[in-house]
PDB file of N, CA and C in Angstrom:
ATOM      1  N   MET A   1      -8.210   1.455   9.401  1.00  0.00           N
ATOM      2  CA  MET A   1      -8.130   0.834   8.079  1.00  0.00           C
ATOM      3  C   MET A   1      -6.457   0.429   8.381  1.00  0.00           C
ATOM      4  N   LYS A   2      -6.536  -0.669   7.057  1.00  0.00           N
ATOM      5  CA  LYS A   2      -5.211  -1.146   7.141  1.00  0.00           C
ATOM      6  C   LYS A   2      -4.882  -1.609   5.708  1.00  0.00           C
ATOM      7  N   ILE A   3      -3.755  -0.414   5.847  1.00  0.00           N
ATOM      8  CA  ILE A   3      -2.800  -0.835   4.222  1.00  0.00           C
ATOM      9  C   ILE A   3      -1.735  -1.714   4.195  1.00  0.00           C
ATOM     10  N   ALA A   4      -1.697  -3.013   3.293  1.00  0.00           N
ATOM     11  CA  ALA A   4      -0.974  -3.171   3.319  1.00  0.00           C
ATOM     12  C   ALA A   4       0.547  -3.212   2.204  1.00  0.00           C
ATOM     13  N   ALA A   5       1.665  -3.226   2.023  1.00  0.00           N
ATOM     14  CA  ALA A   5       2.719  -3.531   0.759  1.00  0.00           C
ATOM     15  C   ALA A   5       2.932  -4.999   0.598  1.00  0.00           C
ATOM     16  N   VAL A   6       2.967  -5.664  -0.348  1.00  0.00           N
ATOM     17  CA  VAL A   6       2.865  -6.749  -0.903  1.00  0.00           C
ATOM     18  C   VAL A   6       3.779  -6.878  -1.925  1.00  0.00           C
ATOM     19  N   CYS A   7       5.046  -7.951  -1.491  1.00  0.00           N
ATOM     20  CA  CYS A   7       5.722  -8.445  -2.518  1.00  0.00           C
ATOM     21  C   CYS A   7       5.901  -9.826  -3.047  1.00  0.00           C
ATOM     22  N   GLY A   8       6.649 -10.444  -3.712  1.00  0.00           N
ATOM     23  CA  GLY A   8       6.699 -11.534  -3.949  1.00  0.00           C
ATOM     24  C   GLY A   8       7.262 -12.597  -2.777  1.00  0.00           C
ATOM     25  N   SER A   9       8.252 -12.412  -1.664  1.00  0.00           N
ATOM     26  CA  SER A   9       8.529 -13.139  -0.613  1.00  0.00           C
ATOM     27  C   SER A   9       8.321 -12.806   0.899  1.00  0.00           C
ATOM     28  N   GLY A  10       7.980 -11.224  -0.011  1.00  0.00           N
ATOM     29  CA  GLY A  10       7.302 -10.262   1.910  1.00  0.00           C
ATOM     30  C   GLY A  10       8.662  -9.842   2.741  1.00  0.00           C
ATOM     31  N   LEU A  11       9.668  -9.815   2.186  1.00  0.00           N
ATOM     32  CA  LEU A  11      10.576  -9.421   3.263  1.00  0.00           C
ATOM     33  C   LEU A  11      11.271  -7.916   2.650  1.00  0.00           C
ATOM     34  N   GLY A  12      12.083  -7.842   1.743  1.00  0.00           N
ATOM     35  CA  GLY A  12      12.513  -6.269   1.968  1.00  0.00           C
ATOM     36  C   GLY A  12      12.193  -5.550   1.153  1.00  0.00           C
ATOM     37  N   SER A  13      11.642  -5.508  -0.333  1.00  0.00           N
ATOM     38  CA  SER A  13      10.473  -4.493  -1.169  1.00  0.00           C
ATOM     39  C   SER A  13       9.418  -4.453  -0.207  1.00  0.00           C
ATOM     40  N   SER A  14       8.479  -5.258   0.332  1.00  0.00           N
ATOM     41  CA  SER A  14       7.916  -4.696   1.317  1.00  0.00           C
ATOM     42  C   SER A  14       7.311  -4.282   2.432  1.00  0.00           C
ATOM     43  N   PHE A  15       8.417  -4.528   2.870  1.00  0.00           N
ATOM     44  CA  PHE A  15       8.871  -3.789   4.354  1.00  0.00           C
ATOM     45  C   PHE A  15       9.463  -2.208   3.732  1.00  0.00           C
ATOM     46  N   MET A  16       9.961  -1.937   2.940  1.00  0.00           N
ATOM     47  CA  MET A  16      10.838  -1.112   2.050  1.00  0.00           C
ATOM     48  C   MET A  16       9.122   0.194   1.929  1.00  0.00           C
ATOM     49  N   ILE A  17       8.368  -0.633   1.027  1.00  0.00           N
ATOM     50  CA  ILE A  17       7.015   0.255   0.538  1.00  0.00           C
ATOM     51  C   ILE A  17       6.164   0.609   2.065  1.00  0.00           C
ATOM     52  N   GLU A  18       6.652  -0.167   2.909  1.00  0.00           N
ATOM     53  CA  GLU A  18       5.750   0.044   4.298  1.00  0.00           C
ATOM     54  C   GLU A  18       5.981   0.938   4.900  1.00  0.00           C
ATOM     55  N   MET A  19       7.396   0.864   5.027  1.00  0.00           N
ATOM     56  CA  MET A  19       8.362   2.237   5.844  1.00  0.00           C
ATOM     57  C   MET A  19       7.511   3.436   5.060  1.00  0.00           C
ATOM     58  N   ASN A  20       8.235   3.510   3.914  1.00  0.00           N
ATOM     59  CA  ASN A  20       7.472   4.692   2.776  1.00  0.00           C
ATOM     60  C   ASN A  20       6.504   5.440   3.144  1.00  0.00           C
ATOM     61  N   ILE A  21       5.264   4.472   3.496  1.00  0.00           N
ATOM     62  CA  ILE A  21       4.049   4.163   3.339  1.00  0.00           C
ATOM     63  C   ILE A  21       3.649   5.360   4.925  1.00  0.00           C
ATOM     64  N   LYS A  22       4.515   4.536   6.193  1.00  0.00           N
ATOM     65  CA  LYS A  22       4.532   5.493   7.527  1.00  0.00           C
ATOM     66  C   LYS A  22       4.982   6.484   7.709  1.00  0.00           C
ATOM     67  N   SER A  23       6.049   6.766   6.284  1.00  0.00           N
ATOM     68  CA  SER A  23       7.064   7.668   6.605  1.00  0.00           C
ATOM     69  C   SER A  23       5.490   9.433   5.699  1.00  0.00           C
ATOM     70  N   ILE A  24       5.322   8.759   4.936  1.00  0.00           N
ATOM     71  CA  ILE A  24       4.427   9.380   3.986  1.00  0.00           C
ATOM     72  C   ILE A  24       2.964   9.997   5.382  1.00  0.00           C
ATOM     73  N   LEU A  25       2.637   9.046   5.524  1.00  0.00           N
ATOM     74  CA  LEU A  25       1.957   9.405   6.986  1.00  0.00           C
ATOM     75  C   LEU A  25       1.774  10.288   7.987  1.00  0.00           C
ATOM     76  N   ASP A  26       2.912   9.769   7.959  1.00  0.00           N
ATOM     77  CA  ASP A  26       3.396  11.072   9.179  1.00  0.00           C
ATOM     78  C   ASP A  26       3.792  12.771   8.473  1.00  0.00           C
ATOM     79  N   GLN A  27       4.510  12.560   7.074  1.00  0.00           N
ATOM     80  CA  GLN A  27       4.697  14.400   6.643  1.00  0.00           C
ATOM     81  C   GLN A  27       3.195  14.275   6.505  1.00  0.00           C
ATOM     82  N   LEU A  28       1.919  14.103   6.395  1.00  0.00           N
ATOM     83  CA  LEU A  28       0.511  14.505   5.953  1.00  0.00           C
ATOM     84  C   LEU A  28       0.011  14.455   7.404  1.00  0.00           C
ATOM     85  N   GLY A  29       0.449  14.435   8.261  1.00  0.00           N
ATOM     86  CA  GLY A  29       0.069  14.591   9.839  1.00  0.00           C
ATOM     87  C   GLY A  29      -0.873  13.364  10.436  1.00  0.00           C
ATOM     88  N   ILE A  30      -0.915  12.468   9.599  1.00  0.00           N
ATOM     89  CA  ILE A  30      -2.018  11.256   9.992  1.00  0.00           C
ATOM     90  C   ILE A  30      -1.634  10.509  11.093  1.00  0.00           C
ATOM     91  N   ASN A  31      -2.618  10.693  12.047  1.00  0.00           N
ATOM     92  CA  ASN A  31      -2.339   9.341  13.143  1.00  0.00           C
ATOM     93  C   ASN A  31      -2.247   7.679  12.844  1.00  0.00           C
ATOM     94  N   GLN A  32      -1.354   7.368  12.874  1.00  0.00           N
ATOM     95  CA  GLN A  32      -0.943   5.894  12.514  1.00  0.00           C
ATOM     96  C   GLN A  32      -1.819   4.910  13.607  1.00  0.00           C
ATOM     97  N   ASP A  33      -2.248   5.692  14.851  1.00  0.00           N
ATOM     98  CA  ASP A  33      -3.427   4.578  15.215  1.00  0.00           C
ATOM     99  C   ASP A  33      -4.771   4.382  14.636  1.00  0.00           C
ATOM    100  N   ASP A  34      -4.663   5.525  13.391  1.00  0.00           N
ATOM    101  CA  ASP A  34      -6.478   4.796  12.818  1.00  0.00           C
ATOM    102  C   ASP A  34      -5.813   4.470  11.294  1.00  0.00           C
ATOM    103  N   ILE A  35      -4.199   4.111  11.277  1.00  0.00           N
ATOM    104  CA  ILE A  35      -4.429   3.428  10.099  1.00  0.00           C
ATOM    105  C   ILE A  35      -2.961   2.732   9.931  1.00  0.00           C
ATOM    106  N   GLU A  36      -3.567   1.281  10.078  1.00  0.00           N
ATOM    107  CA  GLU A  36      -2.586   0.334  10.241  1.00  0.00           C
ATOM    108  C   GLU A  36      -1.500   0.220   9.164  1.00  0.00           C
ATOM    109  N   VAL A  37      -0.461  -0.039   8.842  1.00  0.00           N
ATOM    110  CA  VAL A  37       0.606   0.054   7.441  1.00  0.00           C
ATOM    111  C   VAL A  37       1.040  -1.460   7.663  1.00  0.00           C
ATOM    112  N   THR A  38       1.229  -2.062   7.141  1.00  0.00           N
ATOM    113  CA  THR A  38       1.625  -4.103   7.222  1.00  0.00           C
ATOM    114  C   THR A  38       2.576  -4.235   5.984  1.00  0.00           C
ATOM    115  N   HIS A  39       2.781  -5.633   5.869  1.00  0.00           N
ATOM    116  CA  HIS A  39       3.670  -6.366   4.788  1.00  0.00           C
ATOM    117  C   HIS A  39       2.953  -7.298   4.408  1.00  0.00           C
ATOM    118  N   PHE A  40       3.365  -8.240   3.454  1.00  0.00           N
ATOM    119  CA  PHE A  40       2.830  -9.653   2.942  1.00  0.00           C
ATOM    120  C   PHE A  40       3.700  -9.884   1.819  1.00  0.00           C
ATOM    121  N   ASP A  41       3.677 -11.181   1.902  1.00  0.00           N
ATOM    122  CA  ASP A  41       4.055 -11.654   0.636  1.00  0.00           C
ATOM    123  C   ASP A  41       2.594 -12.169  -0.267  1.00  0.00           C
ATOM    124  N   MET A  42       2.982 -12.112  -1.661  1.00  0.00           N
ATOM    125  CA  MET A  42       1.675 -12.654  -2.354  1.00  0.00           C
ATOM    126  C   MET A  42       0.906 -13.952  -1.783  1.00  0.00           C
ATOM    127  N   GLY A  43       2.060 -14.568  -1.490  1.00  0.00           N
ATOM    128  CA  GLY A  43       0.881 -16.101  -1.285  1.00  0.00           C
ATOM    129  C   GLY A  43       0.153 -15.821   0.429  1.00  0.00           C
ATOM    130  N   SER A  44       0.405 -15.030   0.449  1.00  0.00           N
ATOM    131  CA  SER A  44      -0.294 -14.882   3.195  1.00  0.00           C
ATOM    132  C   SER A  44      -0.896 -13.568   2.130  1.00  0.00           C
ATOM    133  N   ALA A  45      -1.445 -12.855   1.223  1.00  0.00           N
ATOM    134  CA  ALA A  45      -2.174 -11.729   1.179  1.00  0.00           C
ATOM    135  C   ALA A  45      -3.303 -12.595   0.678  1.00  0.00           C
ATOM    136  N   THR A  46      -4.905 -12.053   1.475  1.00  0.00           N
ATOM    137  CA  THR A  46      -5.723 -12.648   1.320  1.00  0.00           C
ATOM    138  C   THR A  46      -6.511 -11.102   1.099  1.00  0.00           C
ATOM    139  N   PRO A  47      -8.122 -11.103   0.612  1.00  0.00           N
ATOM    140  CA  PRO A  47      -8.834 -10.119   0.240  1.00  0.00           C
ATOM    141  C   PRO A  47      -9.419  -9.182   1.843  1.00  0.00           C
ATOM    142  N   ASP A  48      -9.343 -10.025   2.983  1.00  0.00           N
ATOM    143  CA  ASP A  48      -9.378  -9.560   3.915  1.00  0.00           C
ATOM    144  C   ASP A  48      -8.806  -8.972   4.854  1.00  0.00           C
ATOM    145  N   SER A  49      -7.088  -9.320   4.172  1.00  0.00           N
ATOM    146  CA  SER A  49      -5.809  -9.151   5.151  1.00  0.00           C
ATOM    147  C   SER A  49      -5.884  -7.813   5.529  1.00  0.00           C
ATOM    148  N   ALA A  50      -6.239  -6.732   4.050  1.00  0.00           N
ATOM    149  CA  ALA A  50      -6.577  -5.461   4.295  1.00  0.00           C
ATOM    150  C   ALA A  50      -7.072  -4.509   3.522  1.00  0.00           C
ATOM    151  N   ASP A  51      -7.277  -3.045   3.842  1.00  0.00           N
ATOM    152  CA  ASP A  51      -8.041  -2.586   3.191  1.00  0.00           C
ATOM    153  C   ASP A  51      -7.964  -2.084   1.856  1.00  0.00           C
ATOM    154  N   HIS A  52      -6.739  -1.944   1.721  1.00  0.00           N
ATOM    155  CA  HIS A  52      -6.040  -1.571   0.410  1.00  0.00           C
ATOM    156  C   HIS A  52      -4.736  -1.971   0.069  1.00  0.00           C
ATOM    157  N   PHE A  53      -4.304  -2.460  -0.799  1.00  0.00           N
ATOM    158  CA  PHE A  53      -2.918  -3.067  -1.136  1.00  0.00           C
ATOM    159  C   PHE A  53      -2.178  -2.532  -1.785  1.00  0.00           C
ATOM    160  N   PHE A  54      -0.473  -2.217  -2.080  1.00  0.00           N
ATOM    161  CA  PHE A  54       0.260  -1.655  -2.712  1.00  0.00           C
ATOM    162  C   PHE A  54       1.434  -2.843  -3.234  1.00  0.00           C
ATOM    163  N   VAL A  55       1.640  -2.741  -4.410  1.00  0.00           N
ATOM    164  CA  VAL A  55       2.196  -3.801  -5.060  1.00  0.00           C
ATOM    165  C   VAL A  55       3.444  -3.332  -5.974  1.00  0.00           C
ATOM    166  N   GLY A  56       4.323  -3.765  -6.952  1.00  0.00           N
ATOM    167  CA  GLY A  56       4.825  -3.496  -7.822  1.00  0.00           C
ATOM    168  C   GLY A  56       4.476  -4.323  -9.304  1.00  0.00           C
ATOM    169  N   GLN A  57       5.060  -3.155 -10.137  1.00  0.00           N
ATOM    170  CA  GLN A  57       4.220  -3.673 -11.252  1.00  0.00           C
ATOM    171  C   GLN A  57       4.152  -5.335 -11.288  1.00  0.00           C
ATOM    172  N   ASP A  58       5.511  -5.373 -11.138  1.00  0.00           N
ATOM    173  CA  ASP A  58       6.138  -7.093 -11.665  1.00  0.00           C
ATOM    174  C   ASP A  58       4.860  -8.136 -11.016  1.00  0.00           C
ATOM    175  N   LEU A  59       3.784  -7.703  -9.947  1.00  0.00           N
ATOM    176  CA  LEU A  59       2.765  -8.382  -9.566  1.00  0.00           C
ATOM    177  C   LEU A  59       1.355  -8.004  -9.757  1.00  0.00           C
ATOM    178  N   ALA A  60       1.511  -7.154 -10.565  1.00  0.00           N
ATOM    179  CA  ALA A  60      -0.014  -6.783 -11.236  1.00  0.00           C
ATOM    180  C   ALA A  60      -0.836  -7.665 -11.104  1.00  0.00           C
ATOM    181  N   GLU A  61      -0.369  -8.981 -12.013  1.00  0.00           N
ATOM    182  CA  GLU A  61      -1.132 -10.075 -12.855  1.00  0.00           C
ATOM    183  C   GLU A  61      -1.533 -10.350 -11.799  1.00  0.00           C
ATOM    184  N   ALA A  62      -0.791 -10.909 -10.490  1.00  0.00           N
ATOM    185  CA  ALA A  62      -1.010 -12.092  -9.605  1.00  0.00           C
ATOM    186  C   ALA A  62      -1.650 -11.680  -8.257  1.00  0.00           C
ATOM    187  N   THR A  63      -1.966 -10.002  -8.892  1.00  0.00           N
ATOM    188  CA  THR A  63      -3.165  -9.277  -6.747  1.00  0.00           C
ATOM    189  C   THR A  63      -4.883  -9.373  -8.220  1.00  0.00           C
ATOM    190  N   GLU A  64      -5.374 -10.611  -8.891  1.00  0.00           N
ATOM    191  CA  GLU A  64      -6.638 -10.256  -8.945  1.00  0.00           C
ATOM    192  C   GLU A  64      -7.501 -10.752  -7.994  1.00  0.00           C
ATOM    193  N   LYS A  65      -6.751 -11.717  -7.225  1.00  0.00           N
ATOM    194  CA  LYS A  65      -7.849 -12.179  -6.473  1.00  0.00           C
ATOM    195  C   LYS A  65      -8.047 -11.686  -5.182  1.00  0.00           C
ATOM    196  N   LEU A  66      -6.787 -10.378  -4.849  1.00  0.00           N
ATOM    197  CA  LEU A  66      -7.227  -9.587  -3.823  1.00  0.00           C
ATOM    198  C   LEU A  66      -8.219  -8.257  -4.234  1.00  0.00           C
ATOM    199  N   GLY A  67      -8.408  -8.434  -5.324  1.00  0.00           N
ATOM    200  CA  GLY A  67      -9.909  -6.951  -6.342  1.00  0.00           C
ATOM    201  C   GLY A  67      -8.970  -6.302  -6.656  1.00  0.00           C
ATOM    202  N   ALA A  68      -9.508  -5.944  -7.740  1.00  0.00           N
ATOM    203  CA  ALA A  68      -8.526  -4.764  -8.593  1.00  0.00           C
ATOM    204  C   ALA A  68      -9.376  -3.408  -7.607  1.00  0.00           C
ATOM    205  N   GLU A  69     -10.529  -3.533  -7.179  1.00  0.00           N
ATOM    206  CA  GLU A  69     -10.083  -1.846  -6.576  1.00  0.00           C
ATOM    207  C   GLU A  69      -9.630  -1.606  -5.100  1.00  0.00           C
ATOM    208  N   LYS A  70      -8.909  -2.725  -4.703  1.00  0.00           N
ATOM    209  CA  LYS A  70      -8.152  -3.061  -3.972  1.00  0.00           C
ATOM    210  C   LYS A  70      -6.727  -2.746  -3.714  1.00  0.00           C
ATOM    211  N   VAL A  71      -6.542  -2.588  -4.717  1.00  0.00           N
ATOM    212  CA  VAL A  71      -5.251  -2.850  -5.345  1.00  0.00           C
ATOM    213  C   VAL A  71      -4.385  -0.976  -5.695  1.00  0.00           C
ATOM    214  N   THR A  72      -3.735  -1.307  -5.387  1.00  0.00           N
ATOM    215  CA  THR A  72      -2.829  -0.123  -6.482  1.00  0.00           C
ATOM    216  C   THR A  72      -1.265  -0.457  -6.744  1.00  0.00           C
ATOM    217  N   VAL A  73      -1.028  -0.567  -7.789  1.00  0.00           N
ATOM    218  CA  VAL A  73       0.098  -0.470  -8.781  1.00  0.00           C
ATOM    219  C   VAL A  73       1.046   0.597  -8.538  1.00  0.00           C
ATOM    220  N   LEU A  74       2.152   0.176  -8.400  1.00  0.00           N
ATOM    221  CA  LEU A  74       3.567   1.172  -8.228  1.00  0.00           C
ATOM    222  C   LEU A  74       4.612   0.466  -9.988  1.00  0.00           C
ATOM    223  N   LYS A  75       4.285   1.756 -10.822  1.00  0.00           N
ATOM    224  CA  LYS A  75       5.253   1.731 -11.476  1.00  0.00           C
ATOM    225  C   LYS A  75       6.836   1.564 -11.167  1.00  0.00           C
ATOM    226  N   SER A  76       7.253   1.936 -10.174  1.00  0.00           N
ATOM    227  CA  SER A  76       8.630   1.727  -9.495  1.00  0.00           C
ATOM    228  C   SER A  76       8.800   2.025  -8.036  1.00  0.00           C
ATOM    229  N   ILE A  77       8.915   0.972  -7.340  1.00  0.00           N
ATOM    230  CA  ILE A  77       9.101   0.637  -5.774  1.00  0.00           C
ATOM    231  C   ILE A  77       9.791   1.759  -5.136  1.00  0.00           C
ATOM    232  N   ILE A  78      10.674   1.773  -5.712  1.00  0.00           N
ATOM    233  CA  ILE A  78      11.469   3.035  -5.138  1.00  0.00           C
ATOM    234  C   ILE A  78      11.145   4.247  -5.388  1.00  0.00           C
ATOM    235  N   ASP A  79      10.236   4.795  -6.297  1.00  0.00           N
ATOM    236  CA  ASP A  79      10.087   5.990  -6.534  1.00  0.00           C
ATOM    237  C   ASP A  79       9.041   6.906  -5.553  1.00  0.00           C
ATOM    238  N   LYS A  80       9.918   7.214  -3.768  1.00  0.00           N
ATOM    239  CA  LYS A  80       9.007   7.730  -2.944  1.00  0.00           C
ATOM    240  C   LYS A  80       7.549   8.908  -3.577  1.00  0.00           C
ATOM    241  N   ASN A  81       8.280   9.781  -4.754  1.00  0.00           N
ATOM    242  CA  ASN A  81       6.982  10.865  -4.812  1.00  0.00           C
ATOM    243  C   ASN A  81       6.110  10.088  -5.794  1.00  0.00           C
ATOM    244  N   GLU A  82       6.392   9.007  -6.465  1.00  0.00           N
ATOM    245  CA  GLU A  82       5.319   7.883  -7.211  1.00  0.00           C
ATOM    246  C   GLU A  82       4.249   7.448  -5.703  1.00  0.00           C
ATOM    247  N   LEU A  83       5.095   6.934  -4.806  1.00  0.00           N
ATOM    248  CA  LEU A  83       4.214   6.273  -4.068  1.00  0.00           C
ATOM    249  C   LEU A  83       3.505   7.491  -3.507  1.00  0.00           C
ATOM    250  N   LYS A  84       3.910   8.311  -3.050  1.00  0.00           N
ATOM    251  CA  LYS A  84       2.804   9.874  -1.836  1.00  0.00           C
ATOM    252  C   LYS A  84       2.088   9.882  -3.112  1.00  0.00           C
ATOM    253  N   GLU A  85       1.930  10.334  -3.855  1.00  0.00           N
ATOM    254  CA  GLU A  85       0.637  10.704  -4.508  1.00  0.00           C
ATOM    255  C   GLU A  85      -0.003   9.578  -4.625  1.00  0.00           C
ATOM    256  N   LYS A  86       0.102   8.254  -5.176  1.00  0.00           N
ATOM    257  CA  LYS A  86      -0.742   7.055  -4.777  1.00  0.00           C
ATOM    258  C   LYS A  86      -1.029   7.261  -3.530  1.00  0.00           C
ATOM    259  N   VAL A  87      -0.384   7.045  -2.538  1.00  0.00           N
ATOM    260  CA  VAL A  87      -1.417   7.487  -1.227  1.00  0.00           C
ATOM    261  C   VAL A  87      -1.976   8.045  -0.751  1.00  0.00           C
ATOM    262  N   VAL A  88      -1.562   9.321  -1.366  1.00  0.00           N
ATOM    263  CA  VAL A  88      -2.334  10.222  -1.018  1.00  0.00           C
ATOM    264  C   VAL A  88      -4.244  10.563  -1.708  1.00  0.00           C
ATOM    265  N   GLN A  89      -3.656  10.130  -3.253  1.00  0.00           N
ATOM    266  CA  GLN A  89      -4.889   9.752  -4.186  1.00  0.00           C
ATOM    267  C   GLN A  89      -5.630   8.721  -3.194  1.00  0.00           C
ATOM    268  N   PHE A  90      -5.546   7.796  -2.989  1.00  0.00           N
ATOM    269  CA  PHE A  90      -6.324   6.758  -1.957  1.00  0.00           C
ATOM    270  C   PHE A  90      -6.847   7.032  -0.876  1.00  0.00           C
ATOM    271  N   LEU A  91      -6.140   7.930   0.182  1.00  0.00           N
ATOM    272  CA  LEU A  91      -6.630   8.442   0.870  1.00  0.00           C
ATOM    273  C   LEU A  91      -7.308   9.579   0.776  1.00  0.00           C
ATOM    274  N   GLN A  92      -7.574  10.144  -0.377  1.00  0.00           N
ATOM    275  CA  GLN A  92      -8.526  11.161  -0.823  1.00  0.00           C
ATOM    276  C   GLN A  92      -9.859  10.682  -1.378  1.00  0.00           C
ATOM    277  N   GLU A  93     -10.058   9.493  -2.075  1.00  0.00           N
ATOM    278  CA  GLU A  93     -10.584   8.583  -2.005  1.00  0.00           C
ATOM    279  C   GLU A  93     -11.360   8.154  -1.473  1.00  0.00           C
ATOM    280  N   SER A  94     -10.820   7.407   0.090  1.00  0.00           N
ATOM    281  CA  SER A  94     -11.689   6.956   0.829  1.00  0.00           C
ATOM    282  C   SER A  94     -12.016   7.574   1.739  1.00  0.00           C
ATOM    283  N   GLY A  95     -11.682   9.041   1.897  1.00  0.00           N
ATOM    284  CA  GLY A  95     -12.011  10.080   2.752  1.00  0.00           C
ATOM    285  C   GLY A  95     -11.967  10.290   3.608  1.00  0.00           C
ATOM    286  N   ARG A  96     -10.356   9.111   3.228  1.00  0.00           N
ATOM    287  CA  ARG A  96      -9.231   9.545   5.021  1.00  0.00           C
ATOM    288  C   ARG A  96      -7.980  10.912   4.846  1.00  0.00           C
ATOM    289  N   LEU A  97      -8.866  11.926   3.870  1.00  0.00           N
ATOM    290  CA  LEU A  97      -7.597  13.210   3.733  1.00  0.00           C
ATOM    291  C   LEU A  97      -8.448  14.146   2.444  1.00  0.00           C
ATOM    292  N   PRO A  98      -8.487  15.022   3.071  1.00  0.00           N
ATOM    293  CA  PRO A  98      -9.257  15.977   2.140  1.00  0.00           C
ATOM    294  C   PRO A  98      -8.574  16.428   1.226  1.00  0.00           C
ATOM    295  N   GLU A  99      -9.728  16.572   0.239  1.00  0.00           N
ATOM    296  CA  GLU A  99      -9.095  17.040  -1.395  1.00  0.00           C
ATOM    297  C   GLU A  99      -8.499  18.413  -1.478  1.00  0.00           C
TER     298      GLU A  99
END
């Protein structure tokens, strides 16, 4: 499975979200050989770039091309609690984490 963080330029904020997702996976004891985490800029992200995308609220409308079911919108890209909650929810819904 591949998870991607997406931002406008593919540099700072998407990389920060990527690192935070990796940290959350470590906290949950999930082997990162099973789940690859990466980051993209919005222009480079395509529906087949990843199985799921995490984006800031400012880019919510631009993610239409990725497919609504494949996108989680974050109200705050710096809120680690929100990110953890949404990563856990996604992993549970995808069967990667027991409820």
